[in-house]
Amino acid sequence: MWLGFRGPFGRKGIGEMVPRRAKQAGIDHIHPHALGADMPGDELVRFRTEHSIDVAVISLTNPGTADLAAATAERIRGSGTPAILGGPGRSLNDLLAEAKAALSKRAAKTS
């Protein structure tokens, strides 16, 4: 990934930037995992079941895989975990706003 003038933006940069932006959006205790652009949907679902996931956010950088990503998001939702799907025209702010809403809704159900 390449953003702005600072050069390559790898997993370490994502791990620093996403929590900072999430905090600005009012989301605390975020632990992002960059699982890879080619991770199969079955592996994403398995990751969700093996770890305590409050919200799954799937970024979509290859429009050719949009149907597969949408199907994976539906499988994750079907397991009881909110899943948000990124894609062309979706900003990090959009995804964080949806994640915050999903977390609030989930918290309301458990209280």
N, C-alpha and C. Protein backbone atom coordinates (compact mmCIF):
# COMPACT_ATOMS: atom_id res chain seq x y z
N MET A 1 0.85 -1.17 0.00
CA MET A 1 0.00 0.00 0.00
C MET A 1 0.89 1.23 0.00
N TRP A 2 0.45 2.27 -0.63
CA TRP A 2 1.23 3.50 -0.72
C TRP A 2 0.31 4.67 -0.39
N LEU A 3 0.65 5.44 0.61
CA LEU A 3 -0.17 6.57 0.99
C LEU A 3 0.68 7.82 1.07
N GLY A 4 0.27 8.85 0.42
CA GLY A 4 0.90 10.16 0.55
C GLY A 4 2.37 10.18 0.19
N PHE A 5 3.11 11.03 0.89
CA PHE A 5 4.50 11.27 0.55
C PHE A 5 5.46 10.49 1.45
N ARG A 6 4.98 9.73 2.38
CA ARG A 6 5.86 9.08 3.34
C ARG A 6 6.39 7.74 2.87
N GLY A 7 5.95 7.24 1.78
CA GLY A 7 6.49 5.99 1.28
C GLY A 7 5.61 4.80 1.61
N PRO A 8 6.19 3.59 1.56
CA PRO A 8 5.41 2.38 1.78
C PRO A 8 4.72 2.40 3.14
N PHE A 9 3.52 1.87 3.16
CA PHE A 9 2.73 1.83 4.38
C PHE A 9 2.41 0.37 4.66
N GLY A 10 3.21 -0.27 5.49
CA GLY A 10 3.06 -1.70 5.73
C GLY A 10 2.22 -2.01 6.95
N ARG A 11 2.30 -3.27 7.39
CA ARG A 11 1.50 -3.74 8.51
C ARG A 11 1.79 -2.96 9.79
N LYS A 12 3.04 -2.61 10.03
CA LYS A 12 3.37 -1.87 11.24
C LYS A 12 2.67 -0.50 11.22
N GLY A 13 2.70 0.16 10.07
CA GLY A 13 2.03 1.46 9.95
C GLY A 13 0.53 1.35 10.15
N ILE A 14 -0.07 0.30 9.60
CA ILE A 14 -1.50 0.07 9.78
C ILE A 14 -1.80 -0.15 11.25
N GLY A 15 -0.96 -0.93 11.92
CA GLY A 15 -1.14 -1.22 13.33
C GLY A 15 -1.03 0.01 14.21
N GLU A 16 -0.35 1.04 13.73
CA GLU A 16 -0.24 2.29 14.48
C GLU A 16 -1.35 3.27 14.11
N MET A 17 -1.66 3.35 12.81
CA MET A 17 -2.61 4.34 12.33
C MET A 17 -4.05 3.99 12.68
N VAL A 18 -4.46 2.74 12.52
CA VAL A 18 -5.85 2.37 12.76
C VAL A 18 -6.25 2.62 14.21
N PRO A 19 -5.46 2.20 15.22
CA PRO A 19 -5.87 2.51 16.60
C PRO A 19 -5.95 4.01 16.88
N ARG A 20 -5.04 4.77 16.30
CA ARG A 20 -5.06 6.23 16.50
C ARG A 20 -6.33 6.82 15.91
N ARG A 21 -6.67 6.43 14.69
CA ARG A 21 -7.88 6.95 14.05
C ARG A 21 -9.13 6.45 14.76
N ALA A 22 -9.11 5.20 15.25
CA ALA A 22 -10.26 4.68 15.98
C ALA A 22 -10.48 5.47 17.26
N LYS A 23 -9.40 5.79 17.95
CA LYS A 23 -9.54 6.58 19.19
C LYS A 23 -10.16 7.94 18.88
N GLN A 24 -9.74 8.55 17.76
CA GLN A 24 -10.31 9.83 17.35
C GLN A 24 -11.80 9.69 17.07
N ALA A 25 -12.21 8.52 16.61
CA ALA A 25 -13.62 8.26 16.29
C ALA A 25 -14.41 7.83 17.52
N GLY A 26 -13.73 7.71 18.67
CA GLY A 26 -14.42 7.34 19.90
C GLY A 26 -14.49 5.85 20.16
N ILE A 27 -13.61 5.07 19.52
CA ILE A 27 -13.56 3.63 19.73
C ILE A 27 -12.28 3.31 20.51
N ASP A 28 -12.45 2.76 21.69
CA ASP A 28 -11.30 2.37 22.51
C ASP A 28 -11.06 0.87 22.40
N HIS A 29 -9.90 0.46 22.83
CA HIS A 29 -9.55 -0.96 22.92
C HIS A 29 -9.62 -1.67 21.58
N ILE A 30 -9.05 -1.09 20.55
CA ILE A 30 -9.05 -1.73 19.24
C ILE A 30 -7.72 -2.46 19.05
N HIS A 31 -7.79 -3.63 18.47
CA HIS A 31 -6.61 -4.45 18.22
C HIS A 31 -6.68 -4.94 16.76
N PRO A 32 -6.21 -4.13 15.83
CA PRO A 32 -6.33 -4.52 14.42
C PRO A 32 -5.38 -5.67 14.07
N HIS A 33 -5.83 -6.51 13.17
CA HIS A 33 -5.02 -7.60 12.65
C HIS A 33 -5.05 -7.49 11.13
N ALA A 34 -3.89 -7.28 10.53
CA ALA A 34 -3.79 -7.27 9.07
C ALA A 34 -3.54 -8.71 8.64
N LEU A 35 -4.56 -9.36 8.13
CA LEU A 35 -4.48 -10.79 7.84
C LEU A 35 -4.05 -11.10 6.42
N GLY A 36 -3.93 -10.12 5.58
CA GLY A 36 -3.45 -10.34 4.22
C GLY A 36 -4.54 -10.22 3.19
N ALA A 37 -4.17 -9.70 2.05
CA ALA A 37 -5.13 -9.42 0.99
C ALA A 37 -5.69 -10.69 0.35
N ASP A 38 -4.96 -11.78 0.42
CA ASP A 38 -5.40 -13.01 -0.24
C ASP A 38 -5.89 -14.07 0.73
N MET A 39 -6.25 -13.68 1.93
CA MET A 39 -6.71 -14.65 2.91
C MET A 39 -8.06 -15.21 2.48
N PRO A 40 -8.16 -16.54 2.37
CA PRO A 40 -9.44 -17.15 1.96
C PRO A 40 -10.55 -16.88 2.97
N GLY A 41 -11.78 -16.80 2.47
CA GLY A 41 -12.93 -16.54 3.32
C GLY A 41 -13.07 -17.54 4.45
N ASP A 42 -12.79 -18.82 4.18
CA ASP A 42 -12.88 -19.84 5.22
C ASP A 42 -11.92 -19.53 6.37
N GLU A 43 -10.73 -19.03 6.03
CA GLU A 43 -9.75 -18.68 7.06
C GLU A 43 -10.22 -17.48 7.88
N LEU A 44 -10.87 -16.52 7.23
CA LEU A 44 -11.41 -15.38 7.97
C LEU A 44 -12.49 -15.83 8.96
N VAL A 45 -13.36 -16.71 8.51
CA VAL A 45 -14.41 -17.22 9.39
C VAL A 45 -13.78 -18.00 10.54
N ARG A 46 -12.77 -18.82 10.24
CA ARG A 46 -12.10 -19.58 11.29
C ARG A 46 -11.41 -18.63 12.28
N PHE A 47 -10.75 -17.59 11.78
CA PHE A 47 -10.10 -16.61 12.65
C PHE A 47 -11.14 -16.00 13.59
N ARG A 48 -12.30 -15.67 13.06
CA ARG A 48 -13.37 -15.09 13.86
C ARG A 48 -13.82 -16.03 14.97
N THR A 49 -13.87 -17.33 14.70
CA THR A 49 -14.32 -18.26 15.72
C THR A 49 -13.23 -18.59 16.74
N GLU A 50 -11.96 -18.46 16.36
CA GLU A 50 -10.86 -18.79 17.27
C GLU A 50 -10.46 -17.62 18.16
N HIS A 51 -10.90 -16.43 17.82
CA HIS A 51 -10.52 -15.23 18.58
C HIS A 51 -11.79 -14.49 18.99
N SER A 52 -11.68 -13.72 20.03
CA SER A 52 -12.81 -12.93 20.49
C SER A 52 -12.89 -11.65 19.65
N ILE A 53 -13.76 -11.68 18.65
CA ILE A 53 -13.88 -10.58 17.70
C ILE A 53 -15.21 -9.86 17.96
N ASP A 54 -15.15 -8.55 18.17
CA ASP A 54 -16.37 -7.78 18.37
C ASP A 54 -16.96 -7.30 17.05
N VAL A 55 -16.10 -6.91 16.12
CA VAL A 55 -16.53 -6.45 14.80
C VAL A 55 -15.44 -6.83 13.80
N ALA A 56 -15.83 -7.39 12.68
CA ALA A 56 -14.88 -7.69 11.61
C ALA A 56 -15.03 -6.63 10.52
N VAL A 57 -13.91 -6.07 10.11
CA VAL A 57 -13.91 -5.10 9.01
C VAL A 57 -13.07 -5.70 7.89
N ILE A 58 -13.68 -5.92 6.75
CA ILE A 58 -12.99 -6.49 5.61
C ILE A 58 -12.74 -5.38 4.60
N SER A 59 -11.46 -5.08 4.38
CA SER A 59 -11.16 -4.08 3.36
C SER A 59 -11.17 -4.78 2.01
N LEU A 60 -11.55 -4.07 1.00
CA LEU A 60 -11.66 -4.66 -0.33
C LEU A 60 -10.85 -3.81 -1.29
N THR A 61 -9.74 -4.35 -1.75
CA THR A 61 -8.89 -3.60 -2.67
C THR A 61 -8.97 -4.12 -4.10
N ASN A 62 -9.52 -5.30 -4.27
CA ASN A 62 -9.65 -5.89 -5.60
C ASN A 62 -11.13 -6.03 -5.94
N PRO A 63 -11.66 -5.15 -6.80
CA PRO A 63 -13.08 -5.22 -7.13
C PRO A 63 -13.51 -6.57 -7.70
N GLY A 64 -12.57 -7.33 -8.25
CA GLY A 64 -12.88 -8.64 -8.80
C GLY A 64 -13.27 -9.66 -7.73
N THR A 65 -12.98 -9.35 -6.48
CA THR A 65 -13.33 -10.27 -5.39
C THR A 65 -14.49 -9.75 -4.54
N ALA A 66 -15.20 -8.76 -5.04
CA ALA A 66 -16.28 -8.14 -4.26
C ALA A 66 -17.35 -9.14 -3.85
N ASP A 67 -17.75 -10.03 -4.75
CA ASP A 67 -18.79 -11.01 -4.42
C ASP A 67 -18.32 -11.96 -3.33
N LEU A 68 -17.07 -12.42 -3.44
CA LEU A 68 -16.51 -13.32 -2.43
C LEU A 68 -16.40 -12.62 -1.08
N ALA A 69 -15.96 -11.37 -1.08
CA ALA A 69 -15.84 -10.61 0.17
C ALA A 69 -17.22 -10.40 0.81
N ALA A 70 -18.22 -10.09 -0.01
CA ALA A 70 -19.58 -9.91 0.51
C ALA A 70 -20.12 -11.21 1.09
N ALA A 71 -19.86 -12.33 0.42
CA ALA A 71 -20.31 -13.63 0.94
C ALA A 71 -19.62 -13.96 2.25
N THR A 72 -18.33 -13.64 2.35
CA THR A 72 -17.59 -13.88 3.59
C THR A 72 -18.14 -13.02 4.72
N ALA A 73 -18.43 -11.75 4.42
CA ALA A 73 -19.01 -10.87 5.43
C ALA A 73 -20.35 -11.43 5.91
N GLU A 74 -21.16 -11.96 5.01
CA GLU A 74 -22.45 -12.55 5.40
C GLU A 74 -22.25 -13.77 6.29
N ARG A 75 -21.25 -14.60 5.99
CA ARG A 75 -20.97 -15.77 6.83
C ARG A 75 -20.56 -15.33 8.23
N ILE A 76 -19.75 -14.29 8.31
CA ILE A 76 -19.32 -13.79 9.62
C ILE A 76 -20.52 -13.24 10.38
N ARG A 77 -21.37 -12.46 9.69
CA ARG A 77 -22.58 -11.94 10.33
C ARG A 77 -23.47 -13.09 10.81
N GLY A 78 -23.56 -14.14 10.01
CA GLY A 78 -24.38 -15.29 10.36
C GLY A 78 -23.89 -15.99 11.62
N SER A 79 -22.61 -15.81 11.94
CA SER A 79 -22.06 -16.42 13.15
C SER A 79 -22.27 -15.53 14.38
N GLY A 80 -22.92 -14.37 14.16
CA GLY A 80 -23.23 -13.49 15.27
C GLY A 80 -22.28 -12.32 15.46
N THR A 81 -21.31 -12.17 14.60
CA THR A 81 -20.35 -11.06 14.69
C THR A 81 -20.66 -10.04 13.61
N PRO A 82 -20.80 -8.77 13.96
CA PRO A 82 -21.00 -7.76 12.93
C PRO A 82 -19.81 -7.75 11.96
N ALA A 83 -20.09 -7.59 10.69
CA ALA A 83 -19.04 -7.53 9.67
C ALA A 83 -19.29 -6.34 8.76
N ILE A 84 -18.26 -5.57 8.55
CA ILE A 84 -18.33 -4.37 7.72
C ILE A 84 -17.44 -4.59 6.52
N LEU A 85 -17.93 -4.23 5.36
CA LEU A 85 -17.20 -4.45 4.13
C LEU A 85 -16.76 -3.12 3.53
N GLY A 86 -15.47 -2.97 3.33
CA GLY A 86 -14.92 -1.79 2.68
C GLY A 86 -15.02 -1.94 1.17
N GLY A 87 -14.38 -1.03 0.47
CA GLY A 87 -14.38 -1.10 -0.98
C GLY A 87 -14.16 0.27 -1.58
N PRO A 88 -14.19 0.35 -2.90
CA PRO A 88 -13.97 1.62 -3.57
C PRO A 88 -14.94 2.69 -3.06
N GLY A 89 -14.40 3.85 -2.73
CA GLY A 89 -15.21 4.97 -2.27
C GLY A 89 -15.50 4.95 -0.78
N ARG A 90 -15.11 3.88 -0.08
CA ARG A 90 -15.33 3.79 1.36
C ARG A 90 -14.07 4.27 2.07
N SER A 91 -14.20 5.25 2.92
CA SER A 91 -13.04 5.77 3.64
C SER A 91 -12.89 5.06 4.98
N LEU A 92 -11.73 5.23 5.59
CA LEU A 92 -11.52 4.70 6.92
C LEU A 92 -12.51 5.32 7.89
N ASN A 93 -12.81 6.58 7.72
CA ASN A 93 -13.81 7.24 8.58
C ASN A 93 -15.18 6.56 8.45
N ASP A 94 -15.57 6.19 7.22
CA ASP A 94 -16.84 5.48 7.02
C ASP A 94 -16.84 4.17 7.79
N LEU A 95 -15.76 3.41 7.64
CA LEU A 95 -15.68 2.10 8.28
C LEU A 95 -15.68 2.21 9.80
N LEU A 96 -14.96 3.22 10.32
CA LEU A 96 -14.92 3.42 11.77
C LEU A 96 -16.28 3.84 12.31
N ALA A 97 -17.00 4.67 11.57
CA ALA A 97 -18.34 5.07 12.01
C ALA A 97 -19.27 3.86 12.07
N GLU A 98 -19.19 2.98 11.07
CA GLU A 98 -20.01 1.77 11.08
C GLU A 98 -19.60 0.84 12.21
N ALA A 99 -18.28 0.73 12.44
CA ALA A 99 -17.80 -0.13 13.53
C ALA A 99 -18.28 0.40 14.87
N LYS A 100 -18.23 1.70 15.06
CA LYS A 100 -18.68 2.30 16.32
C LYS A 100 -20.17 2.02 16.53
N ALA A 101 -20.96 2.17 15.49
CA ALA A 101 -22.39 1.90 15.59
C ALA A 101 -22.64 0.42 15.92
N ALA A 102 -21.89 -0.47 15.29
CA ALA A 102 -22.06 -1.90 15.55
C ALA A 102 -21.67 -2.25 16.99
N LEU A 103 -20.60 -1.63 17.48
CA LEU A 103 -20.17 -1.86 18.86
C LEU A 103 -21.21 -1.34 19.85
N SER A 104 -21.76 -0.18 19.58
CA SER A 104 -22.79 0.39 20.45
C SER A 104 -24.02 -0.50 20.48
N LYS A 105 -24.43 -0.98 19.32
CA LYS A 105 -25.61 -1.85 19.23
C LYS A 105 -25.36 -3.15 19.97
N ARG A 106 -24.16 -3.69 19.81
CA ARG A 106 -23.80 -4.94 20.49
C ARG A 106 -23.78 -4.75 22.01
N ALA A 107 -23.24 -3.62 22.46
CA ALA A 107 -23.17 -3.34 23.90
C ALA A 107 -24.57 -3.17 24.48
N ALA A 108 -25.47 -2.55 23.72
CA ALA A 108 -26.84 -2.35 24.20
C ALA A 108 -27.55 -3.68 24.38
N LYS A 109 -27.25 -4.65 23.52
CA LYS A 109 -27.89 -5.96 23.62
C LYS A 109 -27.42 -6.73 24.85
N THR A 110 -26.17 -6.50 25.27
CA THR A 110 -25.61 -7.26 26.39
C THR A 110 -25.86 -6.59 27.74
N SER A 111 -26.35 -5.36 27.72
CA SER A 111 -26.58 -4.68 29.02
C SER A 111 -28.03 -4.75 29.45
